[in-house]
Amino acid sequence: APVLIAQGTADTVVDPPVTEAYVAALCKRGTRVVFLHYPKTKHAATARRSANQTIAWMAGRFAGAPVTTPCGQ
């Protein structure tokens, strides 16, 4: 199943390098990953900033649209 990950570069709850390594590992396994980056954004603000994109991405999955974004982008 495809995966969507949103990460703020100023996140102090989930360390950005850990997330980047996880995304790289998923991509290496062939998992389709969309990775949204939010510069200078902390954890809770990332959730707010990514909400519209996340909802649209989920709607696309329920509609059967393919994930065409290169892995990790």
PDB file of N, CA and C in Angstrom:
ATOM      1  N   ALA A   1       0.842  -1.188   0.000  1.00  0.00           N
ATOM      2  CA  ALA A   1       0.000   0.000   0.000  1.00  0.00           C
ATOM      3  C   ALA A   1       0.884   1.247   0.000  1.00  0.00           C
ATOM      4  N   PRO A   2       0.491   2.277  -0.724  1.00  0.00           N
ATOM      5  CA  PRO A   2       1.265   3.514  -0.717  1.00  0.00           C
ATOM      6  C   PRO A   2       1.205   4.193   0.644  1.00  0.00           C
ATOM      7  N   VAL A   3       2.212   5.018   0.902  1.00  0.00           N
ATOM      8  CA  VAL A   3       2.354   5.678   2.197  1.00  0.00           C
ATOM      9  C   VAL A   3       2.547   7.176   1.973  1.00  0.00           C
ATOM     10  N   LEU A   4       1.927   7.989   2.809  1.00  0.00           N
ATOM     11  CA  LEU A   4       2.130   9.428   2.827  1.00  0.00           C
ATOM     12  C   LEU A   4       2.762   9.782   4.168  1.00  0.00           C
ATOM     13  N   ILE A   5       3.866  10.520   4.126  1.00  0.00           N
ATOM     14  CA  ILE A   5       4.535  10.965   5.345  1.00  0.00           C
ATOM     15  C   ILE A   5       4.752  12.464   5.240  1.00  0.00           C
ATOM     16  N   ALA A   6       4.385  13.193   6.290  1.00  0.00           N
ATOM     17  CA  ALA A   6       4.624  14.636   6.363  1.00  0.00           C
ATOM     18  C   ALA A   6       5.569  14.890   7.528  1.00  0.00           C
ATOM     19  N   GLN A   7       6.591  15.716   7.292  1.00  0.00           N
ATOM     20  CA  GLN A   7       7.609  15.970   8.315  1.00  0.00           C
ATOM     21  C   GLN A   7       8.023  17.424   8.282  1.00  0.00           C
ATOM     22  N   GLY A   8       8.046  18.035   9.444  1.00  0.00           N
ATOM     23  CA  GLY A   8       8.589  19.377   9.576  1.00  0.00           C
ATOM     24  C   GLY A   8      10.066  19.303   9.916  1.00  0.00           C
ATOM     25  N   THR A   9      10.846  20.184   9.327  1.00  0.00           N
ATOM     26  CA  THR A   9      12.293  20.130   9.569  1.00  0.00           C
ATOM     27  C   THR A   9      12.667  20.599  10.971  1.00  0.00           C
ATOM     28  N   ALA A  10      11.759  21.262  11.669  1.00  0.00           N
ATOM     29  CA  ALA A  10      12.022  21.710  13.040  1.00  0.00           C
ATOM     30  C   ALA A  10      11.325  20.817  14.070  1.00  0.00           C
ATOM     31  N   ASP A  11      10.908  19.639  13.654  1.00  0.00           N
ATOM     32  CA  ASP A  11      10.209  18.699  14.540  1.00  0.00           C
ATOM     33  C   ASP A  11      11.145  18.234  15.644  1.00  0.00           C
ATOM     34  N   THR A  12      10.707  18.363  16.891  1.00  0.00           N
ATOM     35  CA  THR A  12      11.483  17.886  18.028  1.00  0.00           C
ATOM     36  C   THR A  12      10.862  16.636  18.657  1.00  0.00           C
ATOM     37  N   VAL A  13       9.740  16.174  18.097  1.00  0.00           N
ATOM     38  CA  VAL A  13       9.083  14.959  18.585  1.00  0.00           C
ATOM     39  C   VAL A  13       9.571  13.757  17.774  1.00  0.00           C
ATOM     40  N   VAL A  14       9.552  13.890  16.464  1.00  0.00           N
ATOM     41  CA  VAL A  14      10.044  12.855  15.562  1.00  0.00           C
ATOM     42  C   VAL A  14      11.246  13.443  14.828  1.00  0.00           C
ATOM     43  N   ASP A  15      12.419  12.898  15.083  1.00  0.00           N
ATOM     44  CA  ASP A  15      13.658  13.432  14.529  1.00  0.00           C
ATOM     45  C   ASP A  15      13.665  13.309  12.997  1.00  0.00           C
ATOM     46  N   PRO A  16      13.778  14.418  12.266  1.00  0.00           N
ATOM     47  CA  PRO A  16      13.733  14.364  10.801  1.00  0.00           C
ATOM     48  C   PRO A  16      14.704  13.361  10.158  1.00  0.00           C
ATOM     49  N   PRO A  17      15.953  13.223  10.617  1.00  0.00           N
ATOM     50  CA  PRO A  17      16.820  12.210   9.994  1.00  0.00           C
ATOM     51  C   PRO A  17      16.301  10.777  10.146  1.00  0.00           C
ATOM     52  N   VAL A  18      15.606  10.500  11.232  1.00  0.00           N
ATOM     53  CA  VAL A  18      15.021   9.168  11.423  1.00  0.00           C
ATOM     54  C   VAL A  18      13.925   8.944  10.383  1.00  0.00           C
ATOM     55  N   THR A  19      13.095   9.951  10.175  1.00  0.00           N
ATOM     56  CA  THR A  19      12.026   9.843   9.173  1.00  0.00           C
ATOM     57  C   THR A  19      12.612   9.681   7.779  1.00  0.00           C
ATOM     58  N   GLU A  20      13.652  10.440   7.468  1.00  0.00           N
ATOM     59  CA  GLU A  20      14.292  10.345   6.151  1.00  0.00           C
ATOM     60  C   GLU A  20      14.860   8.946   5.920  1.00  0.00           C
ATOM     61  N   ALA A  21      15.461   8.362   6.940  1.00  0.00           N
ATOM     62  CA  ALA A  21      15.988   6.994   6.826  1.00  0.00           C
ATOM     63  C   ALA A  21      14.854   5.994   6.623  1.00  0.00           C
ATOM     64  N   TYR A  22      13.748   6.200   7.310  1.00  0.00           N
ATOM     65  CA  TYR A  22      12.583   5.320   7.163  1.00  0.00           C
ATOM     66  C   TYR A  22      12.024   5.398   5.747  1.00  0.00           C
ATOM     67  N   VAL A  23      11.895   6.617   5.224  1.00  0.00           N
ATOM     68  CA  VAL A  23      11.406   6.801   3.854  1.00  0.00           C
ATOM     69  C   VAL A  23      12.346   6.103   2.866  1.00  0.00           C
ATOM     70  N   ALA A  24      13.643   6.284   3.047  1.00  0.00           N
ATOM     71  CA  ALA A  24      14.617   5.641   2.161  1.00  0.00           C
ATOM     72  C   ALA A  24      14.476   4.118   2.202  1.00  0.00           C
ATOM     73  N   ALA A  25      14.277   3.566   3.392  1.00  0.00           N
ATOM     74  CA  ALA A  25      14.117   2.116   3.533  1.00  0.00           C
ATOM     75  C   ALA A  25      12.841   1.640   2.841  1.00  0.00           C
ATOM     76  N   LEU A  26      11.760   2.388   2.998  1.00  0.00           N
ATOM     77  CA  LEU A  26      10.511   2.019   2.325  1.00  0.00           C
ATOM     78  C   LEU A  26      10.683   2.058   0.809  1.00  0.00           C
ATOM     79  N   CYS A  27      11.317   3.113   0.313  1.00  0.00           N
ATOM     80  CA  CYS A  27      11.539   3.231  -1.130  1.00  0.00           C
ATOM     81  C   CYS A  27      12.396   2.074  -1.647  1.00  0.00           C
ATOM     82  N   LYS A  28      13.408   1.715  -0.893  1.00  0.00           N
ATOM     83  CA  LYS A  28      14.283   0.615  -1.289  1.00  0.00           C
ATOM     84  C   LYS A  28      13.514  -0.697  -1.397  1.00  0.00           C
ATOM     85  N   ARG A  29      12.498  -0.857  -0.547  1.00  0.00           N
ATOM     86  CA  ARG A  29      11.660  -2.076  -0.575  1.00  0.00           C
ATOM     87  C   ARG A  29      10.626  -2.041  -1.688  1.00  0.00           C
ATOM     88  N   GLY A  30      10.505  -0.884  -2.360  1.00  0.00           N
ATOM     89  CA  GLY A  30       9.528  -0.769  -3.443  1.00  0.00           C
ATOM     90  C   GLY A  30       8.194  -0.179  -3.021  1.00  0.00           C
ATOM     91  N   THR A  31       8.098   0.274  -1.786  1.00  0.00           N
ATOM     92  CA  THR A  31       6.871   0.915  -1.324  1.00  0.00           C
ATOM     93  C   THR A  31       6.756   2.288  -1.973  1.00  0.00           C
ATOM     94  N   ARG A  32       5.572   2.633  -2.419  1.00  0.00           N
ATOM     95  CA  ARG A  32       5.339   3.958  -2.992  1.00  0.00           C
ATOM     96  C   ARG A  32       5.127   4.935  -1.842  1.00  0.00           C
ATOM     97  N   VAL A  33       6.016   5.907  -1.723  1.00  0.00           N
ATOM     98  CA  VAL A  33       5.993   6.862  -0.615  1.00  0.00           C
ATOM     99  C   VAL A  33       5.950   8.283  -1.149  1.00  0.00           C
ATOM    100  N   VAL A  34       4.997   9.061  -0.646  1.00  0.00           N
ATOM    101  CA  VAL A  34       4.973  10.501  -0.881  1.00  0.00           C
ATOM    102  C   VAL A  34       5.438  11.133   0.422  1.00  0.00           C
ATOM    103  N   PHE A  35       6.507  11.918   0.346  1.00  0.00           N
ATOM    104  CA  PHE A  35       7.126  12.508   1.531  1.00  0.00           C
ATOM    105  C   PHE A  35       7.023  14.020   1.426  1.00  0.00           C
ATOM    106  N   LEU A  36       6.168  14.593   2.265  1.00  0.00           N
ATOM    107  CA  LEU A  36       5.963  16.037   2.281  1.00  0.00           C
ATOM    108  C   LEU A  36       6.897  16.663   3.308  1.00  0.00           C
ATOM    109  N   HIS A  37       7.685  17.642   2.880  1.00  0.00           N
ATOM    110  CA  HIS A  37       8.638  18.342   3.747  1.00  0.00           C
ATOM    111  C   HIS A  37       8.107  19.740   4.046  1.00  0.00           C
ATOM    112  N   TYR A  38       8.187  20.157   5.293  1.00  0.00           N
ATOM    113  CA  TYR A  38       7.761  21.501   5.690  1.00  0.00           C
ATOM    114  C   TYR A  38       8.912  22.191   6.417  1.00  0.00           C
ATOM    115  N   PRO A  39       9.626  23.080   5.723  1.00  0.00           N
ATOM    116  CA  PRO A  39      10.775  23.757   6.334  1.00  0.00           C
ATOM    117  C   PRO A  39      10.377  24.572   7.563  1.00  0.00           C
ATOM    118  N   LYS A  40      11.250  24.520   8.573  1.00  0.00           N
ATOM    119  CA  LYS A  40      11.100  25.312   9.802  1.00  0.00           C
ATOM    120  C   LYS A  40       9.757  25.091  10.489  1.00  0.00           C
ATOM    121  N   THR A  41       9.206  23.899  10.381  1.00  0.00           N
ATOM    122  CA  THR A  41       7.885  23.600  10.943  1.00  0.00           C
ATOM    123  C   THR A  41       8.027  22.518  12.004  1.00  0.00           C
ATOM    124  N   LYS A  42       7.369  22.752  13.148  1.00  0.00           N
ATOM    125  CA  LYS A  42       7.397  21.785  14.249  1.00  0.00           C
ATOM    126  C   LYS A  42       6.307  20.726  14.065  1.00  0.00           C
ATOM    127  N   HIS A  43       6.258  19.775  14.981  1.00  0.00           N
ATOM    128  CA  HIS A  43       5.411  18.593  14.879  1.00  0.00           C
ATOM    129  C   HIS A  43       3.917  18.925  14.678  1.00  0.00           C
ATOM    130  N   ALA A  44       3.312  19.623  15.620  1.00  0.00           N
ATOM    131  CA  ALA A  44       1.873  19.892  15.537  1.00  0.00           C
ATOM    132  C   ALA A  44       1.535  20.793  14.347  1.00  0.00           C
ATOM    133  N   ALA A  45       2.404  21.742  14.054  1.00  0.00           N
ATOM    134  CA  ALA A  45       2.156  22.633  12.920  1.00  0.00           C
ATOM    135  C   ALA A  45       2.204  21.866  11.603  1.00  0.00           C
ATOM    136  N   THR A  46       3.023  20.829  11.542  1.00  0.00           N
ATOM    137  CA  THR A  46       3.089  20.007  10.327  1.00  0.00           C
ATOM    138  C   THR A  46       1.743  19.337  10.074  1.00  0.00           C
ATOM    139  N   ALA A  47       1.117  18.848  11.124  1.00  0.00           N
ATOM    140  CA  ALA A  47      -0.200  18.225  10.976  1.00  0.00           C
ATOM    141  C   ALA A  47      -1.212  19.217  10.408  1.00  0.00           C
ATOM    142  N   ARG A  48      -1.192  20.433  10.927  1.00  0.00           N
ATOM    143  CA  ARG A  48      -2.116  21.456  10.417  1.00  0.00           C
ATOM    144  C   ARG A  48      -1.793  21.830   8.977  1.00  0.00           C
ATOM    145  N   ARG A  49      -0.507  22.035   8.687  1.00  0.00           N
ATOM    146  CA  ARG A  49      -0.100  22.477   7.345  1.00  0.00           C
ATOM    147  C   ARG A  49      -0.344  21.400   6.292  1.00  0.00           C
ATOM    148  N   SER A  50      -0.242  20.149   6.672  1.00  0.00           N
ATOM    149  CA  SER A  50      -0.387  19.067   5.696  1.00  0.00           C
ATOM    150  C   SER A  50      -1.815  18.546   5.565  1.00  0.00           C
ATOM    151  N   ALA A  51      -2.730  19.053   6.367  1.00  0.00           N
ATOM    152  CA  ALA A  51      -4.090  18.496   6.407  1.00  0.00           C
ATOM    153  C   ALA A  51      -4.765  18.459   5.038  1.00  0.00           C
ATOM    154  N   ASN A  52      -4.753  19.560   4.316  1.00  0.00           N
ATOM    155  CA  ASN A  52      -5.440  19.583   3.016  1.00  0.00           C
ATOM    156  C   ASN A  52      -4.803  18.614   2.023  1.00  0.00           C
ATOM    157  N   GLN A  53      -3.473  18.584   1.966  1.00  0.00           N
ATOM    158  CA  GLN A  53      -2.791  17.659   1.065  1.00  0.00           C
ATOM    159  C   GLN A  53      -3.042  16.211   1.467  1.00  0.00           C
ATOM    160  N   THR A  54      -3.063  15.967   2.758  1.00  0.00           N
ATOM    161  CA  THR A  54      -3.298  14.614   3.255  1.00  0.00           C
ATOM    162  C   THR A  54      -4.696  14.137   2.895  1.00  0.00           C
ATOM    163  N   ILE A  55      -5.683  14.989   3.100  1.00  0.00           N
ATOM    164  CA  ILE A  55      -7.065  14.626   2.759  1.00  0.00           C
ATOM    165  C   ILE A  55      -7.202  14.370   1.264  1.00  0.00           C
ATOM    166  N   ALA A  56      -6.593  15.226   0.439  1.00  0.00           N
ATOM    167  CA  ALA A  56      -6.653  15.040  -1.012  1.00  0.00           C
ATOM    168  C   ALA A  56      -5.956  13.737  -1.414  1.00  0.00           C
ATOM    169  N   TRP A  57      -4.814  13.443  -0.784  1.00  0.00           N
ATOM    170  CA  TRP A  57      -4.085  12.216  -1.087  1.00  0.00           C
ATOM    171  C   TRP A  57      -4.923  10.992  -0.727  1.00  0.00           C
ATOM    172  N   MET A  58      -5.544  11.018   0.444  1.00  0.00           N
ATOM    173  CA  MET A  58      -6.392   9.902   0.867  1.00  0.00           C
ATOM    174  C   MET A  58      -7.591   9.738  -0.067  1.00  0.00           C
ATOM    175  N   ALA A  59      -8.196  10.836  -0.462  1.00  0.00           N
ATOM    176  CA  ALA A  59      -9.331  10.772  -1.388  1.00  0.00           C
ATOM    177  C   ALA A  59      -8.909  10.116  -2.700  1.00  0.00           C
ATOM    178  N   GLY A  60      -7.708  10.438  -3.155  1.00  0.00           N
ATOM    179  CA  GLY A  60      -7.204   9.808  -4.367  1.00  0.00           C
ATOM    180  C   GLY A  60      -7.058   8.308  -4.227  1.00  0.00           C
ATOM    181  N   ARG A  61      -6.599   7.860  -3.077  1.00  0.00           N
ATOM    182  CA  ARG A  61      -6.457   6.418  -2.854  1.00  0.00           C
ATOM    183  C   ARG A  61      -7.820   5.742  -2.859  1.00  0.00           C
ATOM    184  N   PHE A  62      -8.814   6.339  -2.191  1.00  0.00           N
ATOM    185  CA  PHE A  62     -10.153   5.752  -2.177  1.00  0.00           C
ATOM    186  C   PHE A  62     -10.794   5.768  -3.556  1.00  0.00           C
ATOM    187  N   ALA A  63     -10.406   6.737  -4.392  1.00  0.00           N
ATOM    188  CA  ALA A  63     -10.941   6.826  -5.754  1.00  0.00           C
ATOM    189  C   ALA A  63     -10.204   5.892  -6.709  1.00  0.00           C
ATOM    190  N   GLY A  64      -9.143   5.253  -6.219  1.00  0.00           N
ATOM    191  CA  GLY A  64      -8.404   4.312  -7.047  1.00  0.00           C
ATOM    192  C   GLY A  64      -7.333   4.957  -7.915  1.00  0.00           C
ATOM    193  N   ALA A  65      -7.032   6.233  -7.675  1.00  0.00           N
ATOM    194  CA  ALA A  65      -5.993   6.905  -8.453  1.00  0.00           C
ATOM    195  C   ALA A  65      -4.621   6.356  -8.054  1.00  0.00           C
ATOM    196  N   PRO A  66      -3.740   6.149  -9.032  1.00  0.00           N
ATOM    197  CA  PRO A  66      -2.412   5.639  -8.701  1.00  0.00           C
ATOM    198  C   PRO A  66      -1.531   6.728  -8.082  1.00  0.00           C
ATOM    199  N   VAL A  67      -0.552   6.302  -7.323  1.00  0.00           N
ATOM    200  CA  VAL A  67       0.462   7.230  -6.809  1.00  0.00           C
ATOM    201  C   VAL A  67       1.542   7.284  -7.879  1.00  0.00           C
ATOM    202  N   THR A  68       1.699   8.445  -8.503  1.00  0.00           N
ATOM    203  CA  THR A  68       2.658   8.578  -9.596  1.00  0.00           C
ATOM    204  C   THR A  68       3.892   9.397  -9.206  1.00  0.00           C
ATOM    205  N   THR A  69       3.906   9.919  -7.993  1.00  0.00           N
ATOM    206  CA  THR A  69       5.046  10.687  -7.506  1.00  0.00           C
ATOM    207  C   THR A  69       6.246   9.762  -7.332  1.00  0.00           C
ATOM    208  N   PRO A  70       7.433  10.170  -7.784  1.00  0.00           N
ATOM    209  CA  PRO A  70       8.613   9.345  -7.528  1.00  0.00           C
ATOM    210  C   PRO A  70       8.775   9.082  -6.036  1.00  0.00           C
ATOM    211  N   CYS A  71       9.230   7.916  -5.681  1.00  0.00           N
ATOM    212  CA  CYS A  71       9.327   7.539  -4.285  1.00  0.00           C
ATOM    213  C   CYS A  71      10.136   8.544  -3.478  1.00  0.00           C
ATOM    214  N   GLY A  72       9.546   8.953  -2.353  1.00  0.00           N
ATOM    215  CA  GLY A  72      10.224   9.846  -1.420  1.00  0.00           C
ATOM    216  C   GLY A  72      10.111  11.318  -1.772  1.00  0.00           C
ATOM    217  N   GLN A  73       9.291  11.629  -2.761  1.00  0.00           N
ATOM    218  CA  GLN A  73       9.119  13.048  -3.135  1.00  0.00           C
ATOM    219  C   GLN A  73       7.698  13.474  -2.886  1.00  0.00           C
TER     220      GLN A  73
END
